[in-house]
N, C-alpha and C. Protein backbone atom coordinates (compact mmCIF):
# COMPACT_ATOMS: atom_id res chain seq x y z
N UNK A 1 19.55 8.52 -8.31
CA UNK A 1 18.19 8.73 -8.06
C UNK A 1 17.69 7.85 -7.11
N UNK A 2 16.67 7.92 -6.27
CA UNK A 2 15.96 7.16 -5.38
C UNK A 2 14.99 6.16 -6.01
N UNK A 3 15.17 5.01 -5.70
CA UNK A 3 14.40 4.03 -6.35
C UNK A 3 13.29 3.44 -5.08
N UNK A 4 11.89 3.75 -5.32
CA UNK A 4 10.94 3.33 -4.01
C UNK A 4 10.38 1.97 -4.65
N UNK A 5 10.40 1.09 -3.90
CA UNK A 5 9.88 -0.15 -4.06
C UNK A 5 8.72 -0.30 -3.34
N UNK A 6 7.66 -0.45 -3.51
CA UNK A 6 6.38 -0.45 -2.94
C UNK A 6 5.86 -1.72 -2.77
N UNK A 7 5.67 -2.42 -1.75
CA UNK A 7 4.98 -3.77 -1.35
C UNK A 7 3.98 -3.60 -0.79
N UNK A 8 2.66 -4.21 -1.12
CA UNK A 8 1.71 -4.52 -0.23
C UNK A 8 2.04 -5.49 0.78
N UNK A 9 1.66 -5.62 1.87
CA UNK A 9 1.94 -6.37 2.91
C UNK A 9 1.57 -7.70 2.76
N UNK A 10 1.91 -8.81 3.48
CA UNK A 10 1.74 -10.15 3.14
C UNK A 10 0.39 -10.62 3.56
N UNK A 11 -0.11 -11.80 2.90
CA UNK A 11 -1.49 -12.36 3.24
C UNK A 11 -1.91 -12.57 4.61
N UNK A 12 -3.23 -11.82 4.80
CA UNK A 12 -3.77 -11.75 6.27
C UNK A 12 -4.84 -13.07 6.22
N UNK A 13 -5.34 -13.25 7.66
CA UNK A 13 -6.47 -14.25 7.58
C UNK A 13 -7.80 -13.76 7.01
N UNK A 14 -7.64 -12.42 6.60
CA UNK A 14 -9.13 -12.02 5.86
C UNK A 14 -9.00 -12.14 4.45
N UNK A 15 -7.78 -12.24 3.97
CA UNK A 15 -7.53 -12.48 2.51
C UNK A 15 -8.50 -13.45 1.59
N UNK A 16 -8.66 -14.47 2.17
CA UNK A 16 -9.42 -15.49 1.30
C UNK A 16 -10.89 -15.04 1.08
N UNK A 17 -11.47 -14.18 2.16
CA UNK A 17 -13.03 -13.82 1.97
C UNK A 17 -12.80 -12.35 1.43
N UNK A 18 -11.88 -11.87 1.09
CA UNK A 18 -11.95 -10.55 0.60
C UNK A 18 -12.44 -9.66 1.56
N UNK A 19 -12.21 -9.74 2.73
CA UNK A 19 -12.93 -8.83 4.08
C UNK A 19 -12.07 -7.40 3.89
N UNK A 20 -12.68 -6.38 4.16
CA UNK A 20 -11.97 -4.95 3.86
C UNK A 20 -11.35 -4.83 5.18
N UNK A 21 -9.87 -4.80 5.39
CA UNK A 21 -9.22 -4.40 6.48
C UNK A 21 -8.43 -2.87 6.06
N UNK A 22 -9.13 -2.13 6.72
CA UNK A 22 -8.56 -0.70 6.59
C UNK A 22 -7.76 -0.16 7.73
N UNK A 23 -7.78 1.05 7.91
CA UNK A 23 -7.17 2.12 8.88
C UNK A 23 -7.44 1.58 10.16
N UNK A 24 -8.87 0.97 10.51
CA UNK A 24 -9.08 0.42 12.02
C UNK A 24 -9.01 -0.98 12.11
N UNK A 25 -8.61 -1.67 11.29
CA UNK A 25 -8.57 -3.16 11.44
C UNK A 25 -7.12 -3.71 11.30
N UNK A 26 -6.77 -4.87 11.96
CA UNK A 26 -5.47 -5.34 11.73
C UNK A 26 -5.42 -6.81 11.69
N UNK A 27 -5.84 -7.78 11.06
CA UNK A 27 -5.80 -8.96 11.03
C UNK A 27 -4.45 -9.55 10.94
N UNK A 28 -3.97 -10.76 11.38
CA UNK A 28 -2.65 -11.44 11.66
C UNK A 28 -2.57 -11.86 10.03
N UNK A 29 -1.17 -12.13 9.99
CA UNK A 29 -0.62 -12.86 8.86
C UNK A 29 -1.16 -14.33 8.78
N UNK A 30 -1.48 -14.89 7.94
CA UNK A 30 -1.47 -16.34 7.86
C UNK A 30 -0.04 -17.03 7.72
N UNK A 31 -0.14 -18.31 7.96
CA UNK A 31 1.40 -19.00 7.72
C UNK A 31 1.90 -18.63 6.10
N UNK A 32 0.92 -18.48 5.20
CA UNK A 32 1.64 -18.43 3.96
C UNK A 32 2.06 -17.00 3.88
N UNK A 33 1.10 -15.99 4.67
CA UNK A 33 1.83 -14.78 4.55
C UNK A 33 3.34 -14.56 5.21
N UNK A 34 3.78 -15.27 6.35
CA UNK A 34 4.87 -15.43 6.79
C UNK A 34 5.65 -15.84 6.23
N UNK A 35 5.44 -16.83 5.50
CA UNK A 35 6.32 -16.96 4.23
C UNK A 35 6.63 -16.09 3.21
N UNK A 36 5.54 -15.51 2.80
CA UNK A 36 5.57 -14.43 1.80
C UNK A 36 6.75 -13.23 2.56
N UNK A 37 6.50 -12.87 3.59
CA UNK A 37 7.27 -11.87 4.57
C UNK A 37 8.85 -12.30 4.32
N UNK A 38 9.11 -13.62 4.57
CA UNK A 38 10.29 -14.11 4.45
C UNK A 38 10.99 -14.19 3.10
N UNK A 39 10.16 -14.25 2.07
CA UNK A 39 10.53 -14.13 0.40
C UNK A 39 10.86 -12.88 0.24
N UNK A 40 10.12 -11.84 0.64
CA UNK A 40 10.44 -10.33 0.71
C UNK A 40 11.76 -10.08 1.16
N UNK A 41 12.02 -10.41 2.32
CA UNK A 41 13.45 -10.39 3.11
C UNK A 41 14.58 -10.94 1.91
N UNK A 42 14.25 -11.86 1.37
CA UNK A 42 15.56 -12.34 0.59
C UNK A 42 15.52 -11.59 -0.59
N UNK A 43 14.38 -11.17 -1.08
CA UNK A 43 14.59 -10.23 -2.32
C UNK A 43 15.19 -8.77 -2.00
N UNK A 44 14.74 -8.30 -1.04
CA UNK A 44 15.23 -7.04 -0.43
C UNK A 44 17.06 -7.33 -0.57
N UNK A 45 17.38 -8.29 0.11
CA UNK A 45 18.94 -8.58 0.35
C UNK A 45 19.57 -8.50 -1.37
N UNK A 46 18.73 -9.27 -2.07
CA UNK A 46 19.07 -9.68 -3.36
C UNK A 46 19.21 -8.47 -4.22
N UNK A 47 18.14 -7.46 -3.97
CA UNK A 47 18.34 -6.20 -4.85
C UNK A 47 19.11 -5.10 -3.92
N UNK A 48 19.76 -5.32 -2.64
CA UNK A 48 20.70 -4.49 -2.19
C UNK A 48 19.65 -2.95 -1.83
N UNK A 49 18.47 -3.47 -1.09
CA UNK A 49 17.90 -2.48 -0.43
C UNK A 49 18.70 -1.55 0.84
N UNK A 50 18.57 -0.38 0.69
CA UNK A 50 19.20 0.44 1.88
C UNK A 50 18.36 1.01 2.92
N UNK A 51 17.09 1.05 2.83
CA UNK A 51 16.03 1.56 3.65
C UNK A 51 14.69 0.82 3.81
N UNK A 52 14.40 0.36 4.97
CA UNK A 52 12.94 -0.29 5.15
C UNK A 52 12.08 0.79 5.70
N UNK A 53 10.84 0.92 5.01
CA UNK A 53 9.80 1.81 5.64
C UNK A 53 8.57 0.96 5.81
N UNK A 54 7.70 1.27 6.78
CA UNK A 54 6.55 0.46 6.95
C UNK A 54 5.27 1.27 7.43
N UNK A 55 4.28 1.23 7.00
CA UNK A 55 2.95 1.43 7.75
C UNK A 55 3.26 1.04 9.11
N UNK A 56 2.64 1.76 10.26
CA UNK A 56 2.46 1.28 11.70
C UNK A 56 1.45 -0.01 11.90
N UNK A 57 0.85 0.03 10.98
CA UNK A 57 0.02 -1.24 11.19
C UNK A 57 0.51 -2.63 11.25
N UNK A 58 -0.11 -3.55 12.25
CA UNK A 58 0.62 -4.60 12.37
C UNK A 58 1.10 -5.74 11.42
N UNK A 59 0.06 -5.71 10.32
CA UNK A 59 0.33 -6.66 9.41
C UNK A 59 1.50 -6.05 8.36
N UNK A 60 1.66 -4.70 8.17
CA UNK A 60 2.65 -4.22 7.41
C UNK A 60 3.75 -4.20 7.98
N UNK A 61 4.02 -4.15 9.48
CA UNK A 61 5.06 -4.23 10.29
C UNK A 61 5.76 -5.56 10.35
N UNK A 62 4.85 -6.67 10.49
CA UNK A 62 5.24 -8.07 10.35
C UNK A 62 5.72 -8.50 9.23
N UNK A 63 5.13 -7.84 8.12
CA UNK A 63 5.77 -8.26 6.79
C UNK A 63 7.37 -7.45 6.61
N UNK A 64 7.28 -6.45 6.98
CA UNK A 64 8.50 -5.58 6.68
C UNK A 64 9.77 -5.91 7.69
N UNK A 65 9.39 -6.52 8.95
CA UNK A 65 10.50 -6.69 9.80
C UNK A 65 11.64 -7.75 9.39
N UNK A 66 11.19 -9.11 8.79
CA UNK A 66 12.27 -9.76 8.60
C UNK A 66 13.27 -9.14 7.28
N UNK A 67 12.63 -8.36 6.33
CA UNK A 67 13.58 -7.77 5.62
C UNK A 67 14.47 -6.65 6.36
N UNK A 68 14.00 -5.99 7.19
CA UNK A 68 14.98 -5.07 7.96
C UNK A 68 15.94 -5.75 8.75
N UNK A 69 15.73 -6.77 9.30
CA UNK A 69 16.53 -7.79 10.08
C UNK A 69 17.52 -8.39 9.20
N UNK A 70 16.94 -8.80 8.10
CA UNK A 70 17.87 -9.50 7.11
C UNK A 70 18.96 -8.46 6.61
N UNK A 71 18.47 -7.19 6.30
CA UNK A 71 19.22 -6.15 5.81
C UNK A 71 20.28 -5.62 7.03
N UNK A 72 19.83 -5.84 8.28
CA UNK A 72 20.61 -5.25 9.43
C UNK A 72 20.52 -3.48 9.46
N UNK A 73 19.33 -3.23 9.01
CA UNK A 73 18.73 -1.77 8.89
C UNK A 73 17.67 -1.68 10.01
N UNK A 74 17.44 -0.32 10.69
CA UNK A 74 16.09 0.00 11.34
C UNK A 74 15.07 -0.15 10.60
N UNK A 75 13.82 -0.49 11.19
CA UNK A 75 12.37 -0.44 10.56
C UNK A 75 11.97 0.75 10.88
N UNK A 76 11.64 1.89 9.95
CA UNK A 76 11.06 2.88 10.12
C UNK A 76 9.88 3.02 9.61
N UNK A 77 8.93 3.76 10.56
CA UNK A 77 7.50 3.51 10.84
C UNK A 77 6.85 5.02 10.29
N UNK A 78 6.28 5.12 9.37
CA UNK A 78 5.43 6.25 8.81
C UNK A 78 4.02 6.55 8.97
N UNK A 79 3.31 7.15 9.93
CA UNK A 79 2.18 7.06 10.34
C UNK A 79 1.22 7.18 8.98
N UNK A 80 1.65 7.89 7.96
CA UNK A 80 0.76 8.30 7.07
C UNK A 80 0.78 7.18 5.70
N UNK A 81 1.15 6.11 6.06
CA UNK A 81 1.36 5.03 5.30
C UNK A 81 0.09 3.83 5.69
N UNK A 82 -0.56 4.33 6.79
CA UNK A 82 -1.60 3.50 7.02
C UNK A 82 -2.59 3.32 6.19
N UNK A 83 -3.42 2.14 6.30
CA UNK A 83 -4.37 2.01 5.26
C UNK A 83 -5.54 2.93 5.22
N UNK A 84 -6.19 3.12 4.36
CA UNK A 84 -7.44 3.95 3.97
C UNK A 84 -8.60 3.63 5.13
N UNK A 85 -8.98 4.34 5.67
CA UNK A 85 -10.21 4.05 6.76
C UNK A 85 -11.47 3.78 5.70
N UNK A 86 -11.95 2.39 5.88
CA UNK A 86 -13.27 2.28 5.01
C UNK A 86 -14.39 2.54 5.59
N UNK A 87 -14.42 3.20 7.02
CA UNK A 87 -15.89 3.12 7.75
C UNK A 87 -16.73 2.12 8.04
N UNK A 88 -17.93 2.35 7.52
CA UNK A 88 -18.89 1.13 7.91
C UNK A 88 -18.40 -0.23 7.24
N UNK A 89 -17.53 -0.13 6.15
CA UNK A 89 -16.90 -1.29 5.31
C UNK A 89 -16.23 -2.11 6.21
N UNK A 90 -15.51 -1.45 6.94
CA UNK A 90 -14.29 -2.06 7.87
C UNK A 90 -14.56 -3.57 8.35
N UNK A 91 -13.70 -4.39 8.09
CA UNK A 91 -14.27 -5.81 8.59
C UNK A 91 -15.25 -6.72 7.82
N UNK A 92 -15.88 -6.28 6.80
CA UNK A 92 -16.92 -6.78 6.17
C UNK A 92 -16.41 -7.07 4.65
N UNK A 93 -17.11 -7.89 3.91
CA UNK A 93 -17.06 -8.01 2.61
C UNK A 93 -18.20 -7.15 1.73
N UNK A 94 -17.93 -7.16 0.86
CA UNK A 94 -19.03 -6.10 -0.27
C UNK A 94 -20.41 -7.18 -0.10
N UNK A 95 -20.38 -8.22 -0.12
CA UNK A 95 -21.24 -9.31 -0.16
C UNK A 95 -22.30 -8.77 1.07
N UNK A 96 -21.58 -8.67 2.07
CA UNK A 96 -22.30 -8.47 3.53
C UNK A 96 -23.08 -7.14 3.48
N UNK A 97 -22.79 -6.03 2.63
CA UNK A 97 -23.27 -4.81 2.78
C UNK A 97 -24.65 -4.66 1.98
N UNK A 98 -25.52 -3.48 2.12
CA UNK A 98 -26.46 -3.05 1.18
C UNK A 98 -26.31 -3.19 -0.25
N UNK A 99 -26.78 -3.83 -1.11
CA UNK A 99 -26.48 -3.82 -2.44
C UNK A 99 -26.75 -2.56 -3.26
N UNK A 100 -27.55 -1.58 -2.69
CA UNK A 100 -27.63 -0.42 -3.45
C UNK A 100 -26.36 0.44 -2.94
N UNK A 101 -26.11 0.41 -1.85
CA UNK A 101 -24.67 1.08 -1.32
C UNK A 101 -23.31 0.67 -2.19
N UNK A 102 -23.46 -0.87 -2.10
CA UNK A 102 -22.24 -1.34 -2.78
C UNK A 102 -22.51 -0.67 -4.37
N UNK A 103 -23.49 -0.87 -4.88
CA UNK A 103 -23.41 -0.42 -6.42
C UNK A 103 -23.03 1.09 -6.34
N UNK A 104 -23.66 1.63 -5.71
CA UNK A 104 -23.08 3.30 -5.92
C UNK A 104 -21.49 3.30 -5.48
N UNK A 105 -21.03 2.73 -4.52
CA UNK A 105 -19.52 2.68 -4.22
C UNK A 105 -18.97 2.14 -5.40
N UNK A 106 -19.25 1.09 -6.10
CA UNK A 106 -18.54 0.40 -7.29
C UNK A 106 -18.47 1.67 -8.24
N UNK A 107 -19.61 2.43 -8.59
CA UNK A 107 -19.81 3.40 -9.51
C UNK A 107 -18.71 4.44 -9.28
N UNK A 108 -18.74 4.91 -8.08
CA UNK A 108 -17.54 6.25 -7.73
C UNK A 108 -17.40 6.07 -6.15
N UNK A 109 -16.34 5.39 -5.86
CA UNK A 109 -15.91 5.14 -4.45
C UNK A 109 -15.47 6.53 -3.54
N UNK A 110 -15.28 7.49 -4.75
CA UNK A 110 -14.77 8.92 -4.15
C UNK A 110 -15.90 9.53 -3.74
N UNK A 111 -17.07 9.53 -4.18
CA UNK A 111 -18.32 10.45 -3.73
C UNK A 111 -19.32 9.52 -3.27
N UNK A 112 -19.32 8.35 -3.39
CA UNK A 112 -20.15 7.38 -2.51
C UNK A 112 -19.49 6.25 -1.71
N UNK A 113 -18.57 6.79 -0.98
CA UNK A 113 -17.85 5.97 0.19
C UNK A 113 -19.05 5.76 1.16
N UNK A 114 -18.49 4.51 1.93
CA UNK A 114 -19.48 4.12 3.19
C UNK A 114 -19.11 5.13 4.39
N UNK A 115 -20.41 5.07 4.98
CA UNK A 115 -20.41 6.04 6.30
C UNK A 115 -19.38 6.13 7.04
N UNK A 116 -18.60 7.09 7.47
CA UNK A 116 -17.73 7.01 8.32
C UNK A 116 -16.30 6.99 7.53
N UNK A 117 -16.40 6.69 6.15
CA UNK A 117 -15.00 6.42 5.53
C UNK A 117 -14.11 7.57 5.21
N UNK A 118 -12.67 7.49 4.95
CA UNK A 118 -11.95 8.56 4.81
C UNK A 118 -12.05 8.72 3.24
N UNK A 119 -12.03 10.06 2.96
CA UNK A 119 -12.20 10.29 1.57
C UNK A 119 -11.01 9.95 0.59
N UNK A 120 -11.26 9.29 -0.51
CA UNK A 120 -10.17 8.88 -1.11
C UNK A 120 -9.00 9.93 -1.79
N UNK A 121 -9.61 11.04 -1.88
CA UNK A 121 -8.67 12.16 -2.16
C UNK A 121 -7.51 12.39 -1.07
N UNK A 122 -8.31 12.44 0.03
CA UNK A 122 -7.22 12.68 1.22
C UNK A 122 -6.32 11.69 1.34
N UNK A 123 -6.70 10.35 1.49
CA UNK A 123 -6.00 9.42 1.38
C UNK A 123 -4.90 9.23 0.36
N UNK A 124 -5.37 9.69 -0.78
CA UNK A 124 -4.19 9.38 -1.69
C UNK A 124 -3.12 10.69 -1.63
N UNK A 125 -3.52 11.78 -1.18
CA UNK A 125 -2.64 12.81 -1.00
C UNK A 125 -1.74 12.78 0.15
N UNK A 126 -2.19 11.90 1.40
CA UNK A 126 -1.18 11.75 2.45
C UNK A 126 -0.08 10.78 1.97
N UNK A 127 -0.83 9.44 1.08
CA UNK A 127 0.30 8.54 0.71
C UNK A 127 1.40 9.42 -0.25
N UNK A 128 0.76 10.13 -1.27
CA UNK A 128 1.94 10.74 -2.09
C UNK A 128 2.75 11.53 -1.33
N UNK A 129 2.40 12.20 -0.49
CA UNK A 129 3.19 13.40 0.46
C UNK A 129 4.26 12.05 1.07
N UNK A 130 3.70 11.19 1.84
CA UNK A 130 4.67 10.31 2.39
C UNK A 130 5.68 9.84 1.55
N UNK A 131 5.41 9.49 0.35
CA UNK A 131 6.25 8.83 -0.74
C UNK A 131 7.27 9.86 -1.08
N UNK A 132 6.85 11.08 -1.47
CA UNK A 132 7.71 12.09 -1.83
C UNK A 132 8.85 12.54 -0.65
N UNK A 133 8.28 12.47 0.49
CA UNK A 133 8.83 12.66 1.80
C UNK A 133 10.30 11.97 1.73
N UNK A 134 9.74 10.42 1.52
CA UNK A 134 10.79 9.43 1.72
C UNK A 134 11.74 9.48 0.37
N UNK A 135 11.35 10.07 -0.45
CA UNK A 135 12.41 10.12 -1.68
C UNK A 135 13.35 11.35 -1.54
N UNK A 136 12.85 12.27 -0.96
CA UNK A 136 13.58 13.52 -0.41
C UNK A 136 14.59 13.12 0.69
N UNK A 137 14.25 12.35 1.56
CA UNK A 137 15.09 12.23 2.72
C UNK A 137 16.20 10.88 2.63
N UNK A 138 16.02 10.15 1.55
CA UNK A 138 16.69 9.02 1.35
C UNK A 138 17.40 8.92 -0.13
N UNK A 139 18.61 7.97 -0.21
CA UNK A 139 19.20 7.87 -1.52
C UNK A 139 19.22 6.38 -1.71
N UNK A 140 19.42 5.79 -2.67
CA UNK A 140 19.46 4.45 -2.96
C UNK A 140 17.92 3.70 -3.27
N UNK A 141 18.26 2.57 -2.60
CA UNK A 141 16.73 1.65 -2.84
C UNK A 141 15.91 1.78 -1.60
N UNK A 142 14.71 2.52 -1.55
CA UNK A 142 14.03 2.02 -0.38
C UNK A 142 12.84 1.26 -0.58
N UNK A 143 12.55 0.21 0.47
CA UNK A 143 11.43 -0.65 0.51
C UNK A 143 10.55 -0.08 1.08
N UNK A 144 9.15 0.08 0.73
CA UNK A 144 8.05 0.59 1.42
C UNK A 144 7.11 -0.40 1.45
N UNK A 145 6.59 -0.95 2.80
CA UNK A 145 5.58 -1.92 2.91
C UNK A 145 4.43 -0.98 3.60
N UNK A 146 3.14 -1.30 2.60
CA UNK A 146 2.15 -0.79 3.13
C UNK A 146 0.97 -1.52 2.77
N UNK A 147 -0.03 -0.88 2.23
CA UNK A 147 -1.51 -1.36 1.82
C UNK A 147 -1.97 -1.27 0.48
N UNK A 148 -2.85 -2.14 0.25
CA UNK A 148 -3.22 -2.15 -1.27
C UNK A 148 -4.07 -0.87 -1.75
N UNK A 149 -5.08 -0.74 -0.90
CA UNK A 149 -5.96 0.50 -1.49
C UNK A 149 -5.06 1.78 -1.39
N UNK A 150 -4.46 1.72 -0.29
CA UNK A 150 -3.59 3.22 0.05
C UNK A 150 -2.63 3.41 -1.17
N UNK A 151 -1.74 2.33 -1.77
CA UNK A 151 -0.92 2.57 -2.77
C UNK A 151 -1.55 2.83 -4.08
N UNK A 152 -2.82 2.09 -4.34
CA UNK A 152 -3.18 2.29 -5.54
C UNK A 152 -3.81 3.52 -5.81
N UNK A 153 -4.56 4.16 -4.73
CA UNK A 153 -4.91 5.40 -4.79
C UNK A 153 -3.84 6.66 -4.78
N UNK A 154 -2.75 6.25 -4.12
CA UNK A 154 -1.56 7.18 -4.18
C UNK A 154 -1.05 7.24 -5.31
N UNK A 155 -1.02 5.93 -6.02
CA UNK A 155 -0.19 5.87 -7.49
C UNK A 155 -1.25 6.88 -8.29
N UNK A 156 -2.51 6.80 -8.25
CA UNK A 156 -3.33 7.67 -9.02
C UNK A 156 -3.08 9.03 -9.06
N UNK A 157 -2.80 9.66 -7.67
CA UNK A 157 -2.17 10.95 -7.34
C UNK A 157 -1.03 11.23 -7.78
N UNK A 158 -0.15 10.30 -7.82
CA UNK A 158 1.18 10.80 -8.10
C UNK A 158 1.27 10.70 -9.61
N UNK A 159 0.74 9.83 -10.59
CA UNK A 159 0.65 9.81 -11.95
C UNK A 159 -0.28 10.90 -12.61
N UNK A 160 -1.18 11.11 -11.66
CA UNK A 160 -2.03 12.32 -12.66
C UNK A 160 -3.29 11.47 -13.09
N UNK A 161 -3.94 10.49 -12.41
CA UNK A 161 -5.24 9.77 -12.59
C UNK A 161 -6.26 10.18 -11.67
N UNK A 162 -7.43 10.05 -12.09
CA UNK A 162 -8.55 10.31 -11.12
C UNK A 162 -8.53 9.20 -10.16
N UNK A 163 -8.78 9.67 -8.88
CA UNK A 163 -8.68 8.65 -7.71
C UNK A 163 -10.01 7.61 -7.61
N UNK A 164 -11.05 8.11 -8.16
CA UNK A 164 -12.16 7.32 -8.18
C UNK A 164 -11.96 6.30 -9.19
N UNK A 165 -11.18 6.10 -10.08
CA UNK A 165 -10.89 5.17 -11.03
C UNK A 165 -9.69 4.12 -10.46
N UNK A 166 -9.22 4.39 -9.35
CA UNK A 166 -8.11 3.32 -8.70
C UNK A 166 -8.50 1.99 -8.95
N UNK A 167 -9.80 1.48 -8.72
CA UNK A 167 -10.06 0.02 -8.71
C UNK A 167 -10.03 -0.46 -10.16
N UNK A 168 -10.17 0.43 -11.24
CA UNK A 168 -10.19 0.12 -12.48
C UNK A 168 -8.63 0.12 -13.02
N UNK A 169 -8.05 1.08 -12.68
CA UNK A 169 -6.55 1.47 -13.38
C UNK A 169 -5.75 0.32 -12.77
N UNK A 170 -5.92 -0.10 -11.44
CA UNK A 170 -4.93 -0.91 -10.69
C UNK A 170 -5.87 -1.94 -9.97
N UNK A 171 -6.34 -2.78 -10.74
CA UNK A 171 -7.30 -3.80 -10.32
C UNK A 171 -6.82 -4.39 -8.76
N UNK A 172 -5.52 -4.84 -8.94
CA UNK A 172 -5.18 -5.48 -7.56
C UNK A 172 -3.56 -5.36 -7.86
N UNK A 173 -3.11 -5.33 -6.20
CA UNK A 173 -1.52 -5.41 -5.91
C UNK A 173 -1.57 -6.78 -5.30
N UNK A 174 -0.71 -7.73 -5.87
CA UNK A 174 -0.55 -8.96 -5.12
C UNK A 174 0.31 -8.51 -3.83
N UNK A 175 -0.21 -9.37 -3.07
CA UNK A 175 0.70 -9.74 -1.66
C UNK A 175 2.41 -9.60 -2.04
N UNK A 176 2.87 -8.85 -1.29
CA UNK A 176 4.62 -8.64 -1.47
C UNK A 176 5.11 -8.54 -3.00
N UNK A 177 4.44 -8.45 -3.87
CA UNK A 177 4.88 -7.98 -5.13
C UNK A 177 5.13 -6.85 -5.29
N UNK A 178 6.30 -6.27 -6.14
CA UNK A 178 6.91 -5.10 -6.10
C UNK A 178 6.58 -4.28 -7.10
N UNK A 179 6.23 -2.71 -6.85
CA UNK A 179 5.84 -1.63 -7.54
C UNK A 179 6.98 -0.86 -7.41
N UNK A 180 7.68 -0.48 -8.61
CA UNK A 180 8.71 0.73 -8.36
C UNK A 180 8.33 1.99 -9.07
N UNK A 181 8.53 3.06 -8.24
CA UNK A 181 8.40 4.43 -8.91
C UNK A 181 9.52 5.39 -8.39
N UNK A 182 9.57 6.24 -9.26
CA UNK A 182 10.79 7.36 -9.28
C UNK A 182 10.23 8.54 -9.28
N UNK A 183 10.99 9.78 -8.77
CA UNK A 183 10.49 11.04 -8.90
C UNK A 183 11.49 11.82 -9.69
N UNK A 184 11.18 12.55 -10.64
CA UNK A 184 12.15 13.56 -11.42
C UNK A 184 12.49 14.47 -10.53
N UNK A 185 13.52 15.21 -11.03
CA UNK A 185 14.19 16.16 -10.27
C UNK A 185 13.00 17.30 -10.17
N UNK A 186 12.21 17.40 -11.37
CA UNK A 186 11.43 18.75 -11.04
C UNK A 186 10.17 18.24 -10.30
N UNK A 187 9.81 18.96 -9.08
CA UNK A 187 8.79 18.31 -7.95
C UNK A 187 7.33 18.67 -8.87
N UNK A 188 7.46 19.19 -10.10
CA UNK A 188 5.90 19.66 -10.55
C UNK A 188 5.43 18.32 -11.51
N UNK A 189 6.72 17.82 -11.76
CA UNK A 189 6.37 16.59 -12.82
C UNK A 189 5.78 15.28 -12.08
N UNK A 190 4.93 14.52 -12.65
CA UNK A 190 4.31 13.44 -11.87
C UNK A 190 5.47 12.44 -11.94
N UNK A 191 5.30 11.32 -10.99
CA UNK A 191 6.25 10.39 -10.88
C UNK A 191 6.11 9.60 -11.78
N UNK A 192 7.24 8.71 -12.01
CA UNK A 192 7.27 7.64 -13.00
C UNK A 192 7.16 6.25 -12.61
N UNK A 193 6.21 5.59 -13.18
CA UNK A 193 5.90 4.20 -12.86
C UNK A 193 6.84 3.14 -13.71
N UNK A 194 7.71 2.63 -12.99
CA UNK A 194 8.94 1.77 -13.62
C UNK A 194 8.60 0.23 -13.63
N UNK A 195 7.56 0.06 -12.93
CA UNK A 195 7.39 -1.63 -12.91
C UNK A 195 5.92 -1.69 -12.05
N UNK A 196 5.13 -2.59 -12.16
CA UNK A 196 3.88 -2.77 -11.33
C UNK A 196 3.75 -4.24 -11.03
N UNK A 197 3.47 -4.58 -9.81
CA UNK A 197 3.14 -5.71 -9.42
C UNK A 197 3.98 -6.78 -9.70
N UNK A 198 5.13 -6.47 -9.55
CA UNK A 198 6.45 -7.45 -9.93
C UNK A 198 6.46 -8.81 -9.19
N UNK A 199 6.15 -9.81 -9.40
CA UNK A 199 6.55 -11.16 -8.44
C UNK A 199 7.78 -11.40 -8.39
N UNK A 200 8.13 -11.95 -7.07
CA UNK A 200 9.56 -12.35 -7.23
C UNK A 200 9.94 -13.51 -6.40
């Protein structure tokens, strides 16, 4: 059975302010983030990872590259693993936005998304489809480096939870922490969550 290890990219320069970096934004890693990427590489070697796949966005590629190099395997990029597009929220903190818009967003981020944002259901479906595709295409252990919101919404889709609740069900994914999922043989069945946010 294929094991998919999901890792949020390493810390970026927007992390401390909790500034929204979505599908349009690509802040660089901090020095701490670079060290986290190196730690992820050591963990990947220790676990015997067979395949490394990344979102095409720079912060994910920079995080995944040390692992691929340490393992001596190619780094595969998957376009559907890019982060959710947050529309008008991109590059901002919630404190910088209109309070009423923030209230409605927190109440239901699916129906009350910011102007120009990608629908959460659509983002979750593309993430889920990408992960199912990787499961079907590979054997062994697959390290998948992408993004916090995308993974949390995708997990809701795969497990069968409302995507609008993603912020409550999965409050945070730590940088480079590992979340493991596996797919049953029956494609109709939901994915199994083996571990969540495992720090290494």
